[in-house]
Each structure stands twice: as C-alpha cells, then as structure tokens.
Amino acid sequence: MIVEEQNIITIAYELREGGSDGELLERMDANYPFKFYFGSGRLLPAFEQHLEGLEEGQPFEFILPPEQAYGPVDPRNIIGVPREAFRHLGDNVLVKDNFITLTDDNGEAHNGRILSWTEDMVQVDFNHAMAGKTLHFSGVVLNIRNATVDELIRKNYVEEDGVRGWEEEL
C-alpha cells in the first residue's frame, strides 16, 4: 500500500526548527506514533504532499518554510488585552511565554502566548505557536491501512475502542 487519500497512516517523526540540527519541537516515536486519516483536510496541505505516495517502512525528510506551514508572524495578532480579562485566571498566569486561552465576546476561544504586562495591559501573541518557523520533519511511515467505514464517514482516525483519534490540525 501507499500513502493516499482515505487511508489511515501511522508515522513516527521528529519536528525540528530550521533544519536537522535545529531545536526539537515535537517527537512522535514508534511507542506514541501519529495516526491520521490521509486527505481529511485537517493537516497542512504541504505536509500531506510530502507523504503522498510513500510506502510502509519508507523514511521521509522535508522542510516546510513558514509560507507552507503556519505562515509568518502577523504583528496584527499581537494584541494588548486589558489586565482585567485575566482576573478570573489569577495573577499566577502572568508568566512570560505562558500559553493561555481567552474567550472573546462571541464565545470563541483564542490561544495566545503572554509576552509582557503592565498594571493595566497584557501583551498577548495570538499567532499560531509555529508561525514564522521553518519546520524540518524527518521520520518513517510505520503503517498504512484502509480506513474503516466509520472512519470514511468521519474523515478521521478512530481508535479501536471507537473513540475518535486525536488529530490536531498539523
């Protein structure tokens, strides 16, 4: 079998910033692999393009520049939020580089990273955590199988116990 749409793919990989000797950002090994429904539209298109057509056991290595990954850092996504919005979280949340989730007036959750704060305002970077980064992936295709009927309907990997698999947008 090859990596193609409507298959469940299991991979082990390392994700590093910049290149093969860059900072390790994430590791999914054979004990805790990444399993996903190929072609779901939930993963980075360029990520899937680099895996498409590979066979079980085949290694891979590729780089995604910010434009093919999570885009450049957008200064418009760095926002001053009134410190009052953090009162319910407690002041112990105000730690540089701490990741937080804030809910806007429409009830939508937004993930951000605390940059700095004053008595009145907190500077929060709401860009994706990987924005502006060149991503280096290296790994191996561990397994390829046909999706089950349930997975085809859901367009998502489903664990053996019937629980929907974790599949963050990558």
N, C-alpha and C. Protein backbone atom coordinates (compact mmCIF):
# COMPACT_ATOMS: atom_id res chain seq x y z
N MET A 1 0.84 -1.19 0.00
CA MET A 1 0.00 0.00 0.00
C MET A 1 0.89 1.25 0.00
N ILE A 2 0.30 2.33 -0.45
CA ILE A 2 1.00 3.60 -0.44
C ILE A 2 0.15 4.63 0.32
N VAL A 3 0.79 5.71 0.73
CA VAL A 3 0.08 6.80 1.38
C VAL A 3 -0.78 7.49 0.33
N GLU A 4 -2.08 7.42 0.52
CA GLU A 4 -3.02 8.08 -0.38
C GLU A 4 -4.31 8.34 0.36
N GLU A 5 -5.20 9.11 -0.26
CA GLU A 5 -6.45 9.50 0.37
C GLU A 5 -7.25 8.28 0.83
N GLN A 6 -7.96 8.49 1.92
CA GLN A 6 -8.84 7.50 2.53
C GLN A 6 -8.10 6.34 3.16
N ASN A 7 -6.82 6.54 3.46
CA ASN A 7 -6.05 5.56 4.21
C ASN A 7 -5.75 6.11 5.59
N ILE A 8 -5.55 5.21 6.54
CA ILE A 8 -5.09 5.59 7.87
C ILE A 8 -3.58 5.38 7.88
N ILE A 9 -2.87 6.44 8.20
CA ILE A 9 -1.41 6.44 8.14
C ILE A 9 -0.87 6.55 9.57
N THR A 10 0.14 5.76 9.86
CA THR A 10 0.83 5.82 11.14
C THR A 10 2.29 6.16 10.86
N ILE A 11 2.75 7.26 11.47
CA ILE A 11 4.13 7.67 11.26
C ILE A 11 4.82 7.96 12.59
N ALA A 12 6.12 7.83 12.58
CA ALA A 12 6.97 8.30 13.67
C ALA A 12 7.79 9.43 13.05
N TYR A 13 7.97 10.52 13.81
CA TYR A 13 8.74 11.63 13.25
C TYR A 13 9.32 12.51 14.34
N GLU A 14 10.30 13.30 13.92
CA GLU A 14 10.82 14.39 14.73
C GLU A 14 10.56 15.67 13.96
N LEU A 15 10.14 16.68 14.69
CA LEU A 15 9.93 18.00 14.11
C LEU A 15 10.94 18.94 14.76
N ARG A 16 11.78 19.55 13.94
CA ARG A 16 12.81 20.48 14.43
C ARG A 16 12.65 21.83 13.75
N GLU A 17 13.08 22.85 14.44
CA GLU A 17 13.01 24.18 13.88
C GLU A 17 14.23 24.44 13.00
N GLY A 18 13.98 24.83 11.76
CA GLY A 18 15.04 25.25 10.85
C GLY A 18 15.70 24.16 10.05
N GLY A 19 16.15 23.10 10.68
CA GLY A 19 16.85 22.05 9.97
C GLY A 19 17.09 20.86 10.85
N SER A 20 17.86 19.90 10.35
CA SER A 20 18.06 18.64 11.07
C SER A 20 18.76 18.80 12.40
N ASP A 21 19.49 19.89 12.59
CA ASP A 21 20.17 20.11 13.87
C ASP A 21 19.49 21.20 14.70
N GLY A 22 18.29 21.62 14.29
CA GLY A 22 17.55 22.66 15.00
C GLY A 22 16.92 22.16 16.29
N GLU A 23 16.33 23.10 17.01
CA GLU A 23 15.66 22.78 18.27
C GLU A 23 14.53 21.76 18.04
N LEU A 24 14.49 20.73 18.87
CA LEU A 24 13.43 19.73 18.78
C LEU A 24 12.13 20.34 19.28
N LEU A 25 11.12 20.35 18.41
CA LEU A 25 9.82 20.91 18.76
C LEU A 25 8.81 19.84 19.14
N GLU A 26 8.95 18.67 18.52
CA GLU A 26 7.98 17.59 18.77
C GLU A 26 8.58 16.27 18.32
N ARG A 27 8.24 15.21 19.05
CA ARG A 27 8.68 13.87 18.67
C ARG A 27 7.50 12.92 18.85
N MET A 28 7.23 12.17 17.81
CA MET A 28 6.23 11.11 17.85
C MET A 28 7.00 9.84 17.47
N ASP A 29 7.22 8.94 18.44
CA ASP A 29 8.03 7.76 18.16
C ASP A 29 7.14 6.53 17.95
N ALA A 30 7.77 5.38 17.77
CA ALA A 30 7.04 4.15 17.49
C ALA A 30 6.11 3.77 18.64
N ASN A 31 6.45 4.16 19.87
CA ASN A 31 5.59 3.87 21.02
C ASN A 31 4.39 4.81 21.09
N TYR A 32 4.55 6.02 20.61
CA TYR A 32 3.48 7.02 20.59
C TYR A 32 3.44 7.67 19.20
N PRO A 33 3.05 6.92 18.19
CA PRO A 33 3.09 7.43 16.82
C PRO A 33 1.93 8.39 16.54
N PHE A 34 2.03 9.06 15.41
CA PHE A 34 0.97 9.93 14.93
C PHE A 34 0.15 9.13 13.93
N LYS A 35 -1.14 8.97 14.22
CA LYS A 35 -2.06 8.23 13.34
C LYS A 35 -3.09 9.22 12.81
N PHE A 36 -3.32 9.18 11.52
CA PHE A 36 -4.27 10.15 10.95
C PHE A 36 -4.90 9.62 9.67
N TYR A 37 -6.03 10.22 9.35
CA TYR A 37 -6.77 9.94 8.13
C TYR A 37 -6.17 10.82 7.05
N PHE A 38 -5.58 10.22 6.04
CA PHE A 38 -4.92 10.99 4.98
C PHE A 38 -5.97 11.58 4.05
N GLY A 39 -5.89 12.89 3.83
CA GLY A 39 -6.83 13.57 2.94
C GLY A 39 -8.03 14.16 3.65
N SER A 40 -7.94 14.30 4.98
CA SER A 40 -9.07 14.83 5.75
C SER A 40 -9.23 16.33 5.59
N GLY A 41 -8.17 17.02 5.15
CA GLY A 41 -8.21 18.46 5.08
C GLY A 41 -7.87 19.13 6.40
N ARG A 42 -7.51 18.34 7.42
CA ARG A 42 -7.19 18.89 8.74
C ARG A 42 -5.70 19.13 8.93
N LEU A 43 -4.88 18.59 8.05
CA LEU A 43 -3.43 18.74 8.18
C LEU A 43 -2.92 19.75 7.16
N LEU A 44 -1.72 20.23 7.38
CA LEU A 44 -1.12 21.16 6.43
C LEU A 44 -1.05 20.49 5.06
N PRO A 45 -1.56 21.12 4.01
CA PRO A 45 -1.51 20.51 2.68
C PRO A 45 -0.09 20.13 2.26
N ALA A 46 0.89 20.97 2.53
CA ALA A 46 2.27 20.67 2.13
C ALA A 46 2.81 19.46 2.89
N PHE A 47 2.39 19.27 4.14
CA PHE A 47 2.79 18.10 4.92
C PHE A 47 2.31 16.84 4.23
N GLU A 48 1.02 16.81 3.86
CA GLU A 48 0.46 15.64 3.18
C GLU A 48 1.10 15.43 1.81
N GLN A 49 1.39 16.51 1.09
CA GLN A 49 2.00 16.36 -0.24
C GLN A 49 3.34 15.64 -0.15
N HIS A 50 4.11 15.92 0.91
CA HIS A 50 5.42 15.28 1.05
C HIS A 50 5.30 13.79 1.42
N LEU A 51 4.18 13.41 2.01
CA LEU A 51 4.00 12.00 2.39
C LEU A 51 3.31 11.18 1.31
N GLU A 52 2.54 11.82 0.47
CA GLU A 52 1.76 11.12 -0.54
C GLU A 52 2.64 10.25 -1.42
N GLY A 53 2.22 9.01 -1.60
CA GLY A 53 2.92 8.07 -2.46
C GLY A 53 4.00 7.25 -1.77
N LEU A 54 4.31 7.59 -0.50
CA LEU A 54 5.31 6.81 0.22
C LEU A 54 4.76 5.43 0.58
N GLU A 55 5.65 4.48 0.79
CA GLU A 55 5.26 3.12 1.16
C GLU A 55 5.57 2.87 2.62
N GLU A 56 4.92 1.84 3.16
CA GLU A 56 5.19 1.41 4.54
C GLU A 56 6.67 1.11 4.70
N GLY A 57 7.27 1.63 5.78
CA GLY A 57 8.68 1.43 6.04
C GLY A 57 9.59 2.47 5.40
N GLN A 58 9.04 3.31 4.54
CA GLN A 58 9.84 4.29 3.83
C GLN A 58 10.11 5.52 4.70
N PRO A 59 11.38 5.94 4.78
CA PRO A 59 11.71 7.15 5.54
C PRO A 59 11.34 8.40 4.75
N PHE A 60 11.22 9.52 5.46
CA PHE A 60 10.97 10.80 4.81
C PHE A 60 11.75 11.89 5.55
N GLU A 61 12.03 12.95 4.83
CA GLU A 61 12.66 14.13 5.40
C GLU A 61 12.34 15.29 4.48
N PHE A 62 11.80 16.37 5.06
CA PHE A 62 11.47 17.54 4.25
C PHE A 62 11.38 18.77 5.15
N ILE A 63 11.45 19.92 4.50
CA ILE A 63 11.36 21.20 5.19
C ILE A 63 10.15 21.96 4.66
N LEU A 64 9.39 22.55 5.59
CA LEU A 64 8.29 23.43 5.21
C LEU A 64 8.63 24.84 5.67
N PRO A 65 8.79 25.77 4.73
CA PRO A 65 9.01 27.16 5.12
C PRO A 65 7.71 27.72 5.73
N PRO A 66 7.78 28.83 6.44
CA PRO A 66 6.57 29.38 7.08
C PRO A 66 5.39 29.52 6.12
N GLU A 67 5.67 29.88 4.87
CA GLU A 67 4.58 30.08 3.89
C GLU A 67 3.82 28.80 3.60
N GLN A 68 4.45 27.63 3.78
CA GLN A 68 3.78 26.34 3.55
C GLN A 68 3.32 25.71 4.85
N ALA A 69 3.66 26.36 5.96
CA ALA A 69 3.29 25.80 7.27
C ALA A 69 2.25 26.71 7.91
N TYR A 70 2.65 27.47 8.92
CA TYR A 70 1.69 28.28 9.67
C TYR A 70 1.78 29.76 9.38
N GLY A 71 2.51 30.11 8.33
CA GLY A 71 2.60 31.50 7.90
C GLY A 71 3.59 32.31 8.72
N PRO A 72 3.83 33.53 8.29
CA PRO A 72 4.73 34.41 9.04
C PRO A 72 4.02 34.93 10.29
N VAL A 73 4.81 35.46 11.19
CA VAL A 73 4.23 36.11 12.37
C VAL A 73 3.53 37.38 11.88
N ASP A 74 2.26 37.53 12.25
CA ASP A 74 1.48 38.70 11.85
C ASP A 74 1.41 39.65 13.04
N PRO A 75 2.03 40.83 12.93
CA PRO A 75 2.03 41.76 14.06
C PRO A 75 0.63 42.18 14.50
N ARG A 76 -0.35 42.06 13.60
CA ARG A 76 -1.74 42.41 13.96
C ARG A 76 -2.33 41.41 14.96
N ASN A 77 -1.69 40.24 15.11
CA ASN A 77 -2.15 39.23 16.06
C ASN A 77 -1.48 39.36 17.42
N ILE A 78 -0.69 40.40 17.59
CA ILE A 78 -0.10 40.70 18.90
C ILE A 78 -0.91 41.85 19.46
N ILE A 79 -1.66 41.56 20.52
CA ILE A 79 -2.69 42.48 20.98
C ILE A 79 -2.52 42.78 22.46
N GLY A 80 -2.80 44.02 22.79
CA GLY A 80 -2.87 44.42 24.20
C GLY A 80 -4.25 44.09 24.73
N VAL A 81 -4.30 43.25 25.75
CA VAL A 81 -5.57 42.83 26.35
C VAL A 81 -5.64 43.45 27.75
N PRO A 82 -6.77 44.09 28.09
CA PRO A 82 -6.88 44.65 29.43
C PRO A 82 -6.60 43.58 30.49
N ARG A 83 -5.80 43.96 31.48
CA ARG A 83 -5.42 43.01 32.53
C ARG A 83 -6.66 42.46 33.25
N GLU A 84 -7.71 43.22 33.25
CA GLU A 84 -8.96 42.79 33.89
C GLU A 84 -9.45 41.46 33.31
N ALA A 85 -9.16 41.19 32.02
CA ALA A 85 -9.59 39.95 31.38
C ALA A 85 -8.91 38.73 32.00
N PHE A 86 -7.85 38.94 32.77
CA PHE A 86 -7.10 37.84 33.38
C PHE A 86 -7.44 37.63 34.85
N ARG A 87 -8.26 38.50 35.42
CA ARG A 87 -8.55 38.42 36.85
C ARG A 87 -9.11 37.06 37.26
N HIS A 88 -9.99 36.49 36.45
CA HIS A 88 -10.59 35.19 36.79
C HIS A 88 -9.58 34.06 36.71
N LEU A 89 -8.46 34.28 36.02
CA LEU A 89 -7.42 33.25 35.90
C LEU A 89 -6.40 33.35 37.04
N GLY A 90 -6.36 34.51 37.69
CA GLY A 90 -5.39 34.72 38.76
C GLY A 90 -4.09 35.27 38.20
N ASP A 91 -3.39 36.03 39.01
CA ASP A 91 -2.15 36.66 38.55
C ASP A 91 -1.02 35.67 38.32
N ASN A 92 -1.14 34.45 38.85
CA ASN A 92 -0.07 33.46 38.64
C ASN A 92 0.01 33.01 37.19
N VAL A 93 -0.98 33.35 36.36
CA VAL A 93 -0.95 33.00 34.94
C VAL A 93 -0.04 33.97 34.17
N LEU A 94 0.22 35.13 34.75
CA LEU A 94 1.05 36.13 34.08
C LEU A 94 2.53 35.77 34.21
N VAL A 95 2.94 34.90 33.30
CA VAL A 95 4.33 34.44 33.22
C VAL A 95 4.74 34.57 31.77
N LYS A 96 5.89 35.18 31.51
CA LYS A 96 6.35 35.35 30.13
C LYS A 96 6.39 34.00 29.42
N ASP A 97 5.87 33.97 28.21
CA ASP A 97 5.81 32.79 27.33
C ASP A 97 4.79 31.75 27.78
N ASN A 98 3.99 32.06 28.78
CA ASN A 98 2.93 31.15 29.21
C ASN A 98 1.83 31.14 28.15
N PHE A 99 1.34 29.95 27.81
CA PHE A 99 0.24 29.84 26.85
C PHE A 99 -1.08 29.89 27.60
N ILE A 100 -2.00 30.67 27.06
CA ILE A 100 -3.31 30.86 27.69
C ILE A 100 -4.40 30.75 26.62
N THR A 101 -5.61 30.55 27.09
CA THR A 101 -6.77 30.57 26.20
C THR A 101 -7.75 31.60 26.74
N LEU A 102 -8.12 32.56 25.89
CA LEU A 102 -9.08 33.58 26.26
C LEU A 102 -10.30 33.44 25.36
N THR A 103 -11.45 33.75 25.90
CA THR A 103 -12.70 33.69 25.15
C THR A 103 -13.14 35.10 24.83
N ASP A 104 -13.49 35.36 23.56
CA ASP A 104 -13.93 36.69 23.17
C ASP A 104 -15.41 36.89 23.47
N ASP A 105 -15.93 38.06 23.11
CA ASP A 105 -17.33 38.40 23.40
C ASP A 105 -18.31 37.50 22.66
N ASN A 106 -17.85 36.83 21.59
CA ASN A 106 -18.72 35.92 20.83
C ASN A 106 -18.63 34.48 21.32
N GLY A 107 -17.86 34.26 22.39
CA GLY A 107 -17.71 32.91 22.95
C GLY A 107 -16.67 32.06 22.26
N GLU A 108 -15.88 32.65 21.36
CA GLU A 108 -14.85 31.89 20.65
C GLU A 108 -13.56 31.90 21.47
N ALA A 109 -12.93 30.72 21.57
CA ALA A 109 -11.67 30.60 22.30
C ALA A 109 -10.50 30.93 21.40
N HIS A 110 -9.51 31.65 21.96
CA HIS A 110 -8.31 32.03 21.22
C HIS A 110 -7.09 31.69 22.07
N ASN A 111 -6.16 30.94 21.47
CA ASN A 111 -4.93 30.58 22.16
C ASN A 111 -3.89 31.65 21.92
N GLY A 112 -3.17 31.99 22.97
CA GLY A 112 -2.14 33.01 22.85
C GLY A 112 -0.98 32.74 23.80
N ARG A 113 0.07 33.54 23.62
CA ARG A 113 1.27 33.43 24.45
C ARG A 113 1.53 34.79 25.06
N ILE A 114 1.71 34.82 26.37
CA ILE A 114 1.94 36.08 27.07
C ILE A 114 3.35 36.58 26.77
N LEU A 115 3.43 37.84 26.33
CA LEU A 115 4.71 38.45 26.02
C LEU A 115 5.19 39.34 27.16
N SER A 116 4.30 40.19 27.66
CA SER A 116 4.65 41.12 28.74
C SER A 116 3.37 41.67 29.34
N TRP A 117 3.51 42.43 30.43
CA TRP A 117 2.33 43.01 31.06
C TRP A 117 2.74 44.22 31.89
N THR A 118 1.73 45.07 32.06
CA THR A 118 1.86 46.23 32.94
C THR A 118 0.72 46.15 33.94
N GLU A 119 0.56 47.20 34.70
CA GLU A 119 -0.52 47.27 35.68
C GLU A 119 -1.89 47.17 35.01
N ASP A 120 -1.99 47.68 33.75
CA ASP A 120 -3.29 47.76 33.07
C ASP A 120 -3.46 46.83 31.88
N MET A 121 -2.36 46.48 31.21
CA MET A 121 -2.46 45.72 29.95
C MET A 121 -1.54 44.52 29.94
N VAL A 122 -1.95 43.51 29.14
CA VAL A 122 -1.14 42.32 28.92
C VAL A 122 -0.96 42.19 27.41
N GLN A 123 0.30 42.11 26.96
CA GLN A 123 0.59 41.89 25.54
C GLN A 123 0.54 40.39 25.28
N VAL A 124 -0.36 39.99 24.36
CA VAL A 124 -0.55 38.58 24.05
C VAL A 124 -0.35 38.36 22.56
N ASP A 125 0.45 37.35 22.23
CA ASP A 125 0.68 36.97 20.84
C ASP A 125 -0.30 35.85 20.49
N PHE A 126 -1.27 36.17 19.63
CA PHE A 126 -2.28 35.20 19.23
C PHE A 126 -1.93 34.51 17.91
N ASN A 127 -0.70 34.68 17.42
CA ASN A 127 -0.25 33.92 16.26
C ASN A 127 -0.15 32.45 16.65
N HIS A 128 -0.24 31.56 15.67
CA HIS A 128 -0.03 30.14 15.94
C HIS A 128 1.36 29.97 16.52
N ALA A 129 1.53 29.04 17.44
CA ALA A 129 2.82 28.83 18.11
C ALA A 129 3.94 28.51 17.11
N MET A 130 3.61 27.98 15.95
CA MET A 130 4.62 27.64 14.94
C MET A 130 4.74 28.70 13.85
N ALA A 131 4.00 29.81 13.97
CA ALA A 131 4.07 30.87 12.96
C ALA A 131 5.49 31.41 12.88
N GLY A 132 5.92 31.66 11.66
CA GLY A 132 7.25 32.22 11.43
C GLY A 132 8.37 31.20 11.48
N LYS A 133 8.06 29.95 11.75
CA LYS A 133 9.10 28.93 11.88
C LYS A 133 9.21 28.09 10.62
N THR A 134 10.46 27.78 10.28
CA THR A 134 10.73 26.80 9.22
C THR A 134 10.76 25.44 9.92
N LEU A 135 9.94 24.52 9.42
CA LEU A 135 9.75 23.22 10.07
C LEU A 135 10.48 22.11 9.31
N HIS A 136 11.31 21.38 10.02
CA HIS A 136 12.05 20.25 9.44
C HIS A 136 11.46 18.96 10.00
N PHE A 137 10.87 18.15 9.13
CA PHE A 137 10.30 16.87 9.52
C PHE A 137 11.22 15.75 9.05
N SER A 138 11.47 14.77 9.91
CA SER A 138 12.16 13.56 9.50
C SER A 138 11.53 12.39 10.23
N GLY A 139 11.31 11.31 9.50
CA GLY A 139 10.66 10.17 10.14
C GLY A 139 10.51 9.00 9.21
N VAL A 140 9.54 8.15 9.54
CA VAL A 140 9.31 6.94 8.77
C VAL A 140 7.81 6.61 8.79
N VAL A 141 7.32 6.06 7.69
CA VAL A 141 5.94 5.58 7.62
C VAL A 141 5.93 4.20 8.28
N LEU A 142 5.21 4.07 9.38
CA LEU A 142 5.16 2.81 10.12
C LEU A 142 4.09 1.85 9.60
N ASN A 143 2.95 2.41 9.23
CA ASN A 143 1.83 1.55 8.84
C ASN A 143 0.88 2.31 7.94
N ILE A 144 0.28 1.59 7.02
CA ILE A 144 -0.75 2.13 6.14
C ILE A 144 -1.86 1.10 6.11
N ARG A 145 -3.08 1.54 6.30
CA ARG A 145 -4.22 0.62 6.18
C ARG A 145 -5.41 1.36 5.60
N ASN A 146 -6.35 0.59 5.06
CA ASN A 146 -7.59 1.17 4.56
C ASN A 146 -8.41 1.70 5.73
N ALA A 147 -9.06 2.82 5.52
CA ALA A 147 -9.95 3.37 6.53
C ALA A 147 -11.19 2.48 6.66
N THR A 148 -11.71 2.39 7.87
CA THR A 148 -12.97 1.66 8.09
C THR A 148 -14.13 2.50 7.58
N VAL A 149 -15.30 1.93 7.51
CA VAL A 149 -16.49 2.67 7.08
C VAL A 149 -16.72 3.86 8.01
N ASP A 150 -16.59 3.63 9.32
CA ASP A 150 -16.79 4.71 10.29
C ASP A 150 -15.78 5.83 10.06
N GLU A 151 -14.54 5.48 9.80
CA GLU A 151 -13.50 6.48 9.54
C GLU A 151 -13.77 7.23 8.24
N LEU A 152 -14.26 6.52 7.23
CA LEU A 152 -14.58 7.17 5.96
C LEU A 152 -15.70 8.19 6.16
N ILE A 153 -16.68 7.85 6.97
CA ILE A 153 -17.79 8.77 7.24
C ILE A 153 -17.30 9.98 8.02
N ARG A 154 -16.49 9.74 9.06
CA ARG A 154 -16.00 10.82 9.91
C ARG A 154 -14.83 11.59 9.31
N LYS A 155 -14.16 10.98 8.32
CA LYS A 155 -12.91 11.52 7.75
C LYS A 155 -11.92 11.79 8.87
N ASN A 156 -11.76 10.78 9.73
CA ASN A 156 -10.88 10.89 10.89
C ASN A 156 -10.49 9.49 11.34
N TYR A 157 -9.29 9.38 11.90
CA TYR A 157 -8.84 8.12 12.50
C TYR A 157 -9.68 7.83 13.74
N VAL A 158 -10.10 6.57 13.90
CA VAL A 158 -10.88 6.16 15.06
C VAL A 158 -10.12 5.05 15.78
N GLU A 159 -9.91 5.23 17.09
CA GLU A 159 -9.23 4.22 17.91
C GLU A 159 -10.01 2.91 17.88
N GLU A 160 -9.35 1.82 18.23
CA GLU A 160 -10.00 0.50 18.24
C GLU A 160 -11.22 0.45 19.15
N ASP A 161 -11.21 1.28 20.22
CA ASP A 161 -12.34 1.29 21.15
C ASP A 161 -13.49 2.18 20.66
N GLY A 162 -13.36 2.71 19.45
CA GLY A 162 -14.42 3.52 18.86
C GLY A 162 -14.31 5.00 19.15
N VAL A 163 -13.32 5.39 19.94
CA VAL A 163 -13.12 6.79 20.26
C VAL A 163 -12.38 7.46 19.12
N ARG A 164 -12.81 8.65 18.79
CA ARG A 164 -12.17 9.42 17.72
C ARG A 164 -10.74 9.69 18.12
N GLY A 165 -9.83 9.45 17.21
CA GLY A 165 -8.41 9.68 17.46
C GLY A 165 -8.08 11.15 17.53
N TRP A 166 -6.99 11.44 18.23
CA TRP A 166 -6.52 12.83 18.31
C TRP A 166 -5.93 13.20 16.99
N GLU A 167 -6.40 14.28 16.44
CA GLU A 167 -5.87 14.74 15.15
C GLU A 167 -5.93 16.26 15.12
N GLU A 168 -4.90 16.89 15.67
CA GLU A 168 -4.83 18.33 15.64
C GLU A 168 -4.49 18.75 14.23
N GLU A 169 -4.91 19.96 13.90
CA GLU A 169 -4.54 20.47 12.60
C GLU A 169 -3.04 20.65 12.56
N LEU A 170 -2.41 19.91 11.70
CA LEU A 170 -0.95 19.99 11.57
C LEU A 170 -0.61 20.58 10.25
